[in-house]
C-alpha cells in the first residue's frame, strides 16, 4: 500500500508541476528580453500565443544541455534563440520538445567533421542525441530574416523529421501521415523542377534528397512566406498542413 501511495503522490506531483510550467509559470525576464529583441516570429504572435511560446521556450531550455565548443561560452541569449527556433517550427504541434535530442553543441564557426572530412555549419546526430550548430552561421539567419536561409530552422527541421520517425521515443507520427503524403508528392515534383531548371524559388541544395528539401522549404516557408505562396500555392498549403501553422498575412488568405 505504501509503495502505491508513494507512486501516486509522485505522479500527482509531476502532473501538477508540468501543468504549472506549461500553463502558468511566466518566462524568465532575461529570456523574454531576448525574444523581444531578436525573434521576429515571436513578435508577430498575438499576446495569448506569445505566452504559450514563452513557456515552450522555457521548457525547451530546461530539457536540453548546451555545450560550448572550442572555448565558446554558452550564454542565455544562445540558449533562448536556439530553443525559440525549435519551438517555432513545432509550434503547430501539441508536442514540441524533441526529446531524442538532449545535447546541443555550439561551435564558434564552421567545424571539421571526422566522418565526412569536411567543415560543417551544422548537423544532427539522432543516435548520439546531438544537434550541432556553428554560432556565426546561426546568427546570420537573424541578420536577414527574409532571405530564405536560416541554419537554425534548417537543422531543427532535420531534428523534427527524425524525431517524428523514431517509434521508440513515444511521440512519433506527430506529423499527420496524410498531410505528409500530399506534401511529399508535391515536393518530389518541385525537386525535379530544381534539378532541371533555374526557375524554382528553392536553392539547388534542396534537390539533394527529400529531407534536405523539407529543411530548405521550411526556411523559405518562414522567411519568404508571401513569395512561397505566390510561387506555388498548392505546395505552400501542403507545407501549412504539414507543420500545422500558416504564417501568410491574413489579408492574403482565402
C-alpha atoms as a PDB file:
ATOM      1  CA  UNK A   1       0.000   0.000   0.000  1.00  0.00           C
ATOM      2  CA  UNK A   2       2.800   2.416   0.921  1.00  0.00           C
ATOM      3  CA  UNK A   3       4.649   1.986  -2.418  1.00  0.00           C
ATOM      4  CA  UNK A   4       1.352   2.571  -4.247  1.00  0.00           C
ATOM      5  CA  UNK A   5       0.632   5.770  -2.337  1.00  0.00           C
ATOM      6  CA  UNK A   6       4.204   6.943  -2.893  1.00  0.00           C
ATOM      7  CA  UNK A   7       3.920   6.267  -6.627  1.00  0.00           C
ATOM      8  CA  UNK A   8       0.560   8.012  -6.828  1.00  0.00           C
ATOM      9  CA  UNK A   9       1.873  11.025  -4.928  1.00  0.00           C
ATOM     10  CA  UNK A  10       4.852  11.295  -7.251  1.00  0.00           C
ATOM     11  CA  UNK A  11       2.607  11.064 -10.332  1.00  0.00           C
ATOM     12  CA  UNK A  12       0.390  13.854  -8.984  1.00  0.00           C
ATOM     13  CA  UNK A  13       3.471  15.959  -8.214  1.00  0.00           C
ATOM     14  CA  UNK A  14       4.870  15.554 -11.729  1.00  0.00           C
ATOM     15  CA  UNK A  15       1.488  16.286 -13.324  1.00  0.00           C
ATOM     16  CA  UNK A  16       0.894  19.429 -11.266  1.00  0.00           C
ATOM     17  CA  UNK A  17       4.464  20.612 -11.809  1.00  0.00           C
ATOM     18  CA  UNK A  18       4.221  20.159 -15.572  1.00  0.00           C
ATOM     19  CA  UNK A  19       0.817  21.887 -15.662  1.00  0.00           C
ATOM     20  CA  UNK A  20       2.310  24.821 -13.757  1.00  0.00           C
ATOM     21  CA  UNK A  21       5.301  25.124 -16.089  1.00  0.00           C
ATOM     22  CA  UNK A  22       3.226  24.710 -19.257  1.00  0.00           C
ATOM     23  CA  UNK A  23       0.196  26.828 -18.380  1.00  0.00           C
ATOM     24  CA  UNK A  24       1.046  29.254 -15.570  1.00  0.00           C
ATOM     25  CA  UNK A  25       4.720  29.936 -14.848  1.00  0.00           C
ATOM     26  CA  UNK A  26       5.886  33.157 -16.521  1.00  0.00           C
ATOM     27  CA  UNK A  27       9.008  33.109 -18.659  1.00  0.00           C
ATOM     28  CA  UNK A  28      12.288  34.217 -17.112  1.00  0.00           C
ATOM     29  CA  UNK A  29      12.580  38.011 -17.677  1.00  0.00           C
ATOM     30  CA  UNK A  30      16.004  37.711 -19.342  1.00  0.00           C
ATOM     31  CA  UNK A  31      14.627  35.120 -21.766  1.00  0.00           C
ATOM     32  CA  UNK A  32      11.718  37.362 -22.721  1.00  0.00           C
ATOM     33  CA  UNK A  33      14.046  40.284 -23.434  1.00  0.00           C
ATOM     34  CA  UNK A  34      15.984  38.136 -25.906  1.00  0.00           C
ATOM     35  CA  UNK A  35      12.797  37.095 -27.706  1.00  0.00           C
ATOM     36  CA  UNK A  36      11.531  40.663 -27.918  1.00  0.00           C
ATOM     37  CA  UNK A  37      14.842  41.945 -29.248  1.00  0.00           C
ATOM     38  CA  UNK A  38      15.666  39.314 -31.856  1.00  0.00           C
ATOM     39  CA  UNK A  39      12.806  36.950 -32.659  1.00  0.00           C
ATOM     40  CA  UNK A  40      10.510  38.230 -35.441  1.00  0.00           C
ATOM     41  CA  UNK A  41       8.230  35.176 -35.347  1.00  0.00           C
ATOM     42  CA  UNK A  42       7.556  35.693 -31.633  1.00  0.00           C
ATOM     43  CA  UNK A  43       6.916  39.420 -32.032  1.00  0.00           C
ATOM     44  CA  UNK A  44       4.269  38.730 -34.687  1.00  0.00           C
ATOM     45  CA  UNK A  45       2.224  36.460 -32.395  1.00  0.00           C
ATOM     46  CA  UNK A  46      -0.898  37.534 -30.512  1.00  0.00           C
ATOM     47  CA  UNK A  47      -0.449  38.203 -26.761  1.00  0.00           C
ATOM     48  CA  UNK A  48      -2.062  34.868 -25.895  1.00  0.00           C
ATOM     49  CA  UNK A  49       0.173  32.899 -28.271  1.00  0.00           C
ATOM     50  CA  UNK A  50       3.225  34.784 -27.035  1.00  0.00           C
ATOM     51  CA  UNK A  51       2.519  33.362 -23.596  1.00  0.00           C
ATOM     52  CA  UNK A  52       2.371  29.816 -24.973  1.00  0.00           C
ATOM     53  CA  UNK A  53       5.550  30.385 -26.978  1.00  0.00           C
ATOM     54  CA  UNK A  54       7.378  31.754 -23.928  1.00  0.00           C
ATOM     55  CA  UNK A  55       6.531  28.751 -21.764  1.00  0.00           C
ATOM     56  CA  UNK A  56       7.566  26.348 -24.504  1.00  0.00           C
ATOM     57  CA  UNK A  57      10.904  28.123 -24.807  1.00  0.00           C
ATOM     58  CA  UNK A  58      11.472  27.861 -21.056  1.00  0.00           C
ATOM     59  CA  UNK A  59      10.675  24.145 -21.094  1.00  0.00           C
ATOM     60  CA  UNK A  60      12.889  23.570 -24.136  1.00  0.00           C
ATOM     61  CA  UNK A  61      15.853  25.272 -22.458  1.00  0.00           C
ATOM     62  CA  UNK A  62      15.399  23.192 -19.316  1.00  0.00           C
ATOM     63  CA  UNK A  63      15.126  19.966 -21.341  1.00  0.00           C
ATOM     64  CA  UNK A  64      18.462  20.379 -23.175  1.00  0.00           C
ATOM     65  CA  UNK A  65      22.121  20.502 -22.208  1.00  0.00           C
ATOM     66  CA  UNK A  66      24.023  23.193 -24.119  1.00  0.00           C
ATOM     67  CA  UNK A  67      27.771  22.753 -24.599  1.00  0.00           C
ATOM     68  CA  UNK A  68      30.089  25.426 -25.961  1.00  0.00           C
ATOM     69  CA  UNK A  69      32.865  24.034 -28.138  1.00  0.00           C
ATOM     70  CA  UNK A  70      36.400  25.281 -28.839  1.00  0.00           C
ATOM     71  CA  UNK A  71      36.304  27.650 -25.870  1.00  0.00           C
ATOM     72  CA  UNK A  72      32.904  29.191 -26.661  1.00  0.00           C
ATOM     73  CA  UNK A  73      30.971  30.271 -23.555  1.00  0.00           C
ATOM     74  CA  UNK A  74      27.256  29.481 -23.719  1.00  0.00           C
ATOM     75  CA  UNK A  75      25.020  32.447 -22.830  1.00  0.00           C
ATOM     76  CA  UNK A  76      21.308  32.818 -22.094  1.00  0.00           C
ATOM     77  CA  UNK A  77      20.955  34.507 -25.479  1.00  0.00           C
ATOM     78  CA  UNK A  78      22.275  31.395 -27.213  1.00  0.00           C
ATOM     79  CA  UNK A  79      20.018  29.067 -25.253  1.00  0.00           C
ATOM     80  CA  UNK A  80      16.916  31.156 -25.883  1.00  0.00           C
ATOM     81  CA  UNK A  81      17.457  31.746 -29.608  1.00  0.00           C
ATOM     82  CA  UNK A  82      18.199  28.077 -30.259  1.00  0.00           C
ATOM     83  CA  UNK A  83      15.233  26.959 -28.149  1.00  0.00           C
ATOM     84  CA  UNK A  84      12.948  29.509 -29.823  1.00  0.00           C
ATOM     85  CA  UNK A  85      13.934  28.188 -33.246  1.00  0.00           C
ATOM     86  CA  UNK A  86      12.993  24.670 -32.176  1.00  0.00           C
ATOM     87  CA  UNK A  87       9.703  25.924 -30.761  1.00  0.00           C
ATOM     88  CA  UNK A  88       8.960  27.942 -33.908  1.00  0.00           C
ATOM     89  CA  UNK A  89       8.986  25.016 -36.326  1.00  0.00           C
ATOM     90  CA  UNK A  90       6.998  22.790 -33.929  1.00  0.00           C
ATOM     91  CA  UNK A  91       4.536  25.441 -32.749  1.00  0.00           C
ATOM     92  CA  UNK A  92       1.712  23.819 -34.697  1.00  0.00           C
ATOM     93  CA  UNK A  93       2.035  20.575 -32.718  1.00  0.00           C
ATOM     94  CA  UNK A  94       0.974  19.763 -29.168  1.00  0.00           C
ATOM     95  CA  UNK A  95       4.311  18.003 -28.812  1.00  0.00           C
ATOM     96  CA  UNK A  96       7.353  20.222 -29.164  1.00  0.00           C
ATOM     97  CA  UNK A  97      10.390  19.294 -27.022  1.00  0.00           C
ATOM     98  CA  UNK A  98      12.165  16.884 -29.413  1.00  0.00           C
ATOM     99  CA  UNK A  99      13.108  14.530 -26.531  1.00  0.00           C
ATOM    100  CA  UNK A 100      15.549  12.371 -28.508  1.00  0.00           C
ATOM    101  CA  UNK A 101      17.899  15.333 -28.841  1.00  0.00           C
ATOM    102  CA  UNK A 102      19.143  16.121 -25.360  1.00  0.00           C
ATOM    103  CA  UNK A 103      22.500  17.746 -26.222  1.00  0.00           C
ATOM    104  CA  UNK A 104      23.221  20.839 -28.287  1.00  0.00           C
ATOM    105  CA  UNK A 105      26.848  21.541 -29.213  1.00  0.00           C
ATOM    106  CA  UNK A 106      27.580  25.142 -30.199  1.00  0.00           C
ATOM    107  CA  UNK A 107      30.738  25.894 -32.187  1.00  0.00           C
ATOM    108  CA  UNK A 108      32.066  29.433 -32.750  1.00  0.00           C
ATOM    109  CA  UNK A 109      32.219  28.814 -36.527  1.00  0.00           C
ATOM    110  CA  UNK A 110      32.318  26.003 -39.106  1.00  0.00           C
ATOM    111  CA  UNK A 111      33.905  22.902 -37.611  1.00  0.00           C
ATOM    112  CA  UNK A 112      35.731  19.885 -39.031  1.00  0.00           C
ATOM    113  CA  UNK A 113      33.895  16.561 -39.179  1.00  0.00           C
ATOM    114  CA  UNK A 114      35.972  13.414 -38.774  1.00  0.00           C
ATOM    115  CA  UNK A 115      33.223  11.462 -40.526  1.00  0.00           C
ATOM    116  CA  UNK A 116      32.894  13.470 -43.752  1.00  0.00           C
ATOM    117  CA  UNK A 117      36.400  15.008 -43.636  1.00  0.00           C
ATOM    118  CA  UNK A 118      34.765  18.358 -44.379  1.00  0.00           C
ATOM    119  CA  UNK A 119      33.806  21.503 -42.494  1.00  0.00           C
ATOM    120  CA  UNK A 120      30.190  21.685 -41.402  1.00  0.00           C
ATOM    121  CA  UNK A 121      27.897  24.574 -40.455  1.00  0.00           C
ATOM    122  CA  UNK A 122      25.536  22.302 -38.551  1.00  0.00           C
ATOM    123  CA  UNK A 123      24.257  18.737 -38.336  1.00  0.00           C
ATOM    124  CA  UNK A 124      22.003  16.373 -36.436  1.00  0.00           C
ATOM    125  CA  UNK A 125      23.011  13.011 -34.925  1.00  0.00           C
ATOM    126  CA  UNK A 126      19.941  11.033 -33.799  1.00  0.00           C
ATOM    127  CA  UNK A 127      21.895   8.093 -32.372  1.00  0.00           C
ATOM    128  CA  UNK A 128      24.138  10.424 -30.392  1.00  0.00           C
ATOM    129  CA  UNK A 129      21.086  12.538 -29.449  1.00  0.00           C
ATOM    130  CA  UNK A 130      23.022  15.638 -30.567  1.00  0.00           C
ATOM    131  CA  UNK A 131      22.319  18.794 -32.557  1.00  0.00           C
ATOM    132  CA  UNK A 132      25.426  20.704 -33.675  1.00  0.00           C
ATOM    133  CA  UNK A 133      25.389  24.364 -34.711  1.00  0.00           C
ATOM    134  CA  UNK A 134      28.030  26.905 -35.729  1.00  0.00           C
ATOM    135  CA  UNK A 135      27.093  30.100 -33.917  1.00  0.00           C
ATOM    136  CA  UNK A 136      28.333  32.541 -36.570  1.00  0.00           C
ATOM    137  CA  UNK A 137      26.150  30.883 -39.198  1.00  0.00           C
ATOM    138  CA  UNK A 138      23.223  30.550 -36.807  1.00  0.00           C
ATOM    139  CA  UNK A 139      23.283  34.318 -36.243  1.00  0.00           C
ATOM    140  CA  UNK A 140      23.356  35.026 -39.980  1.00  0.00           C
ATOM    141  CA  UNK A 141      19.830  33.634 -40.113  1.00  0.00           C
ATOM    142  CA  UNK A 142      18.709  36.548 -37.944  1.00  0.00           C
ATOM    143  CA  UNK A 143      20.708  39.238 -39.726  1.00  0.00           C
ATOM    144  CA  UNK A 144      18.500  38.877 -42.804  1.00  0.00           C
ATOM    145  CA  UNK A 145      15.162  37.317 -41.795  1.00  0.00           C
ATOM    146  CA  UNK A 146      13.795  37.389 -45.356  1.00  0.00           C
ATOM    147  CA  UNK A 147      16.489  35.722 -47.491  1.00  0.00           C
ATOM    148  CA  UNK A 148      15.171  32.175 -47.060  1.00  0.00           C
ATOM    149  CA  UNK A 149      18.403  30.957 -45.455  1.00  0.00           C
ATOM    150  CA  UNK A 150      18.402  30.099 -41.756  1.00  0.00           C
ATOM    151  CA  UNK A 151      20.729  27.465 -40.295  1.00  0.00           C
ATOM    152  CA  UNK A 152      18.715  27.126 -37.092  1.00  0.00           C
ATOM    153  CA  UNK A 153      15.447  26.442 -38.909  1.00  0.00           C
ATOM    154  CA  UNK A 154      17.254  24.050 -41.255  1.00  0.00           C
ATOM    155  CA  UNK A 155      18.853  21.871 -38.574  1.00  0.00           C
ATOM    156  CA  UNK A 156      15.835  21.931 -36.262  1.00  0.00           C
ATOM    157  CA  UNK A 157      13.711  20.725 -39.179  1.00  0.00           C
ATOM    158  CA  UNK A 158      16.045  17.755 -39.595  1.00  0.00           C
ATOM    159  CA  UNK A 159      15.688  17.062 -35.875  1.00  0.00           C
ATOM    160  CA  UNK A 160      11.895  17.345 -36.065  1.00  0.00           C
ATOM    161  CA  UNK A 161      11.703  14.983 -39.047  1.00  0.00           C
ATOM    162  CA  UNK A 162      13.954  12.409 -37.384  1.00  0.00           C
ATOM    163  CA  UNK A 163      12.043  12.698 -34.105  1.00  0.00           C
ATOM    164  CA  UNK A 164       8.835  12.004 -35.997  1.00  0.00           C
ATOM    165  CA  UNK A 165      10.270   8.781 -37.420  1.00  0.00           C
ATOM    166  CA  UNK A 166      11.511   7.166 -34.197  1.00  0.00           C
ATOM    167  CA  UNK A 167       8.862   4.823 -32.826  1.00  0.00           C
ATOM    168  CA  UNK A 168      10.851   4.344 -29.601  1.00  0.00           C
ATOM    169  CA  UNK A 169      10.503   7.944 -28.442  1.00  0.00           C
ATOM    170  CA  UNK A 170       6.814   7.720 -27.570  1.00  0.00           C
ATOM    171  CA  UNK A 171       5.919  10.739 -29.732  1.00  0.00           C
ATOM    172  CA  UNK A 172       6.439   9.526 -33.314  1.00  0.00           C
ATOM    173  CA  UNK A 173       3.964  10.416 -36.057  1.00  0.00           C
ATOM    174  CA  UNK A 174       3.048  13.800 -34.630  1.00  0.00           C
ATOM    175  CA  UNK A 175       3.262  14.911 -38.276  1.00  0.00           C
ATOM    176  CA  UNK A 176      -0.033  13.885 -39.848  1.00  0.00           C
ATOM    177  CA  UNK A 177       0.715  10.939 -42.235  1.00  0.00           C
ATOM    178  CA  UNK A 178      -1.948  12.028 -44.717  1.00  0.00           C
ATOM    179  CA  UNK A 179      -0.596  15.588 -44.788  1.00  0.00           C
ATOM    180  CA  UNK A 180       2.908  14.218 -45.315  1.00  0.00           C
ATOM    181  CA  UNK A 181       1.846  12.083 -48.280  1.00  0.00           C
ATOM    182  CA  UNK A 182       0.281  15.074 -50.032  1.00  0.00           C
ATOM    183  CA  UNK A 183       3.320  17.229 -49.289  1.00  0.00           C
ATOM    184  CA  UNK A 184       5.759  14.508 -50.409  1.00  0.00           C
ATOM    185  CA  UNK A 185       4.107  14.150 -53.830  1.00  0.00           C
ATOM    186  CA  UNK A 186       4.295  17.898 -54.465  1.00  0.00           C
ATOM    187  CA  UNK A 187       7.838  18.045 -53.077  1.00  0.00           C
ATOM    188  CA  UNK A 188       9.105  15.391 -55.496  1.00  0.00           C
ATOM    189  CA  UNK A 189       7.656  17.353 -58.407  1.00  0.00           C
ATOM    190  CA  UNK A 190       9.358  20.517 -57.185  1.00  0.00           C
ATOM    191  CA  UNK A 191      12.680  18.729 -56.732  1.00  0.00           C
ATOM    192  CA  UNK A 192      12.578  17.754 -60.402  1.00  0.00           C
ATOM    193  CA  UNK A 193      11.999  21.395 -61.339  1.00  0.00           C
ATOM    194  CA  UNK A 194      15.005  22.422 -59.231  1.00  0.00           C
ATOM    195  CA  UNK A 195      17.218  19.829 -60.922  1.00  0.00           C
ATOM    196  CA  UNK A 196      16.205  20.674 -64.483  1.00  0.00           C
ATOM    197  CA  UNK A 197      15.597  24.433 -64.452  1.00  0.00           C
ATOM    198  CA  UNK A 198      16.618  27.652 -62.738  1.00  0.00           C
ATOM    199  CA  UNK A 199      13.026  28.707 -62.137  1.00  0.00           C
ATOM    200  CA  UNK A 200      12.423  27.457 -58.600  1.00  0.00           C
ATOM    201  CA  UNK A 201      12.192  29.647 -55.503  1.00  0.00           C
ATOM    202  CA  UNK A 202      14.243  27.000 -53.679  1.00  0.00           C
ATOM    203  CA  UNK A 203      18.031  26.865 -53.898  1.00  0.00           C
ATOM    204  CA  UNK A 204      19.706  23.952 -55.687  1.00  0.00           C
ATOM    205  CA  UNK A 205      20.716  22.234 -52.439  1.00  0.00           C
ATOM    206  CA  UNK A 206      17.043  21.496 -51.792  1.00  0.00           C
ATOM    207  CA  UNK A 207      17.113  18.851 -54.544  1.00  0.00           C
ATOM    208  CA  UNK A 208      19.756  16.753 -52.747  1.00  0.00           C
ATOM    209  CA  UNK A 209      17.108  14.487 -51.212  1.00  0.00           C
ATOM    210  CA  UNK A 210      13.642  14.729 -49.661  1.00  0.00           C
ATOM    211  CA  UNK A 211      14.976  15.551 -46.179  1.00  0.00           C
ATOM    212  CA  UNK A 212      17.057  18.451 -47.481  1.00  0.00           C
ATOM    213  CA  UNK A 213      14.087  19.686 -49.477  1.00  0.00           C
ATOM    214  CA  UNK A 214      11.990  19.644 -46.312  1.00  0.00           C
ATOM    215  CA  UNK A 215      14.617  21.622 -44.395  1.00  0.00           C
ATOM    216  CA  UNK A 216      15.089  24.205 -47.150  1.00  0.00           C
ATOM    217  CA  UNK A 217      11.352  24.543 -47.746  1.00  0.00           C
ATOM    218  CA  UNK A 218      10.802  25.258 -44.050  1.00  0.00           C
ATOM    219  CA  UNK A 219      13.415  28.028 -44.240  1.00  0.00           C
ATOM    220  CA  UNK A 220      11.532  29.563 -47.179  1.00  0.00           C
ATOM    221  CA  UNK A 221       8.143  28.952 -45.535  1.00  0.00           C
ATOM    222  CA  UNK A 222       9.036  31.139 -42.569  1.00  0.00           C
ATOM    223  CA  UNK A 223      11.325  33.710 -44.196  1.00  0.00           C
ATOM    224  CA  UNK A 224       9.740  34.189 -47.634  1.00  0.00           C
ATOM    225  CA  UNK A 225       6.145  33.343 -46.871  1.00  0.00           C
ATOM    226  CA  UNK A 226       4.426  35.510 -49.476  1.00  0.00           C
ATOM    227  CA  UNK A 227       6.896  34.603 -52.227  1.00  0.00           C
ATOM    228  CA  UNK A 228       6.428  30.895 -51.451  1.00  0.00           C
ATOM    229  CA  UNK A 229       2.644  31.206 -51.610  1.00  0.00           C
ATOM    230  CA  UNK A 230       2.695  33.161 -54.861  1.00  0.00           C
ATOM    231  CA  UNK A 231       5.200  30.752 -56.431  1.00  0.00           C
ATOM    232  CA  UNK A 232       3.377  27.513 -55.593  1.00  0.00           C
ATOM    233  CA  UNK A 233       0.117  27.857 -53.614  1.00  0.00           C
ATOM    234  CA  UNK A 234      -0.508  24.094 -53.519  1.00  0.00           C
ATOM    235  CA  UNK A 235       2.922  23.275 -52.083  1.00  0.00           C
ATOM    236  CA  UNK A 236       2.637  26.192 -49.667  1.00  0.00           C
ATOM    237  CA  UNK A 237      -0.729  24.941 -48.382  1.00  0.00           C
ATOM    238  CA  UNK A 238       0.630  21.405 -48.108  1.00  0.00           C
ATOM    239  CA  UNK A 239       3.511  22.759 -46.001  1.00  0.00           C
ATOM    240  CA  UNK A 240       0.997  24.573 -43.785  1.00  0.00           C
ATOM    241  CA  UNK A 241      -0.860  21.313 -43.212  1.00  0.00           C
ATOM    242  CA  UNK A 242       2.429  19.502 -42.569  1.00  0.00           C
ATOM    243  CA  UNK A 243       3.532  21.973 -39.884  1.00  0.00           C
ATOM    244  CA  UNK A 244       0.084  22.775 -38.518  1.00  0.00           C
ATOM    245  CA  UNK A 245       0.530  26.520 -38.965  1.00  0.00           C
ATOM    246  CA  UNK A 246       0.133  29.273 -41.543  1.00  0.00           C
ATOM    247  CA  UNK A 247       2.223  32.454 -41.418  1.00  0.00           C
ATOM    248  CA  UNK A 248       0.692  34.075 -44.505  1.00  0.00           C
ATOM    249  CA  UNK A 249      -0.687  37.587 -43.819  1.00  0.00           C
ATOM    250  CA  UNK A 250      -4.399  37.395 -43.089  1.00  0.00           C
ATOM    251  CA  UNK A 251      -5.368  39.667 -45.993  1.00  0.00           C
ATOM    252  CA  UNK A 252      -3.901  37.130 -48.451  1.00  0.00           C
ATOM    253  CA  UNK A 253      -5.654  34.074 -47.053  1.00  0.00           C
ATOM    254  CA  UNK A 254      -8.622  32.736 -48.983  1.00  0.00           C
END
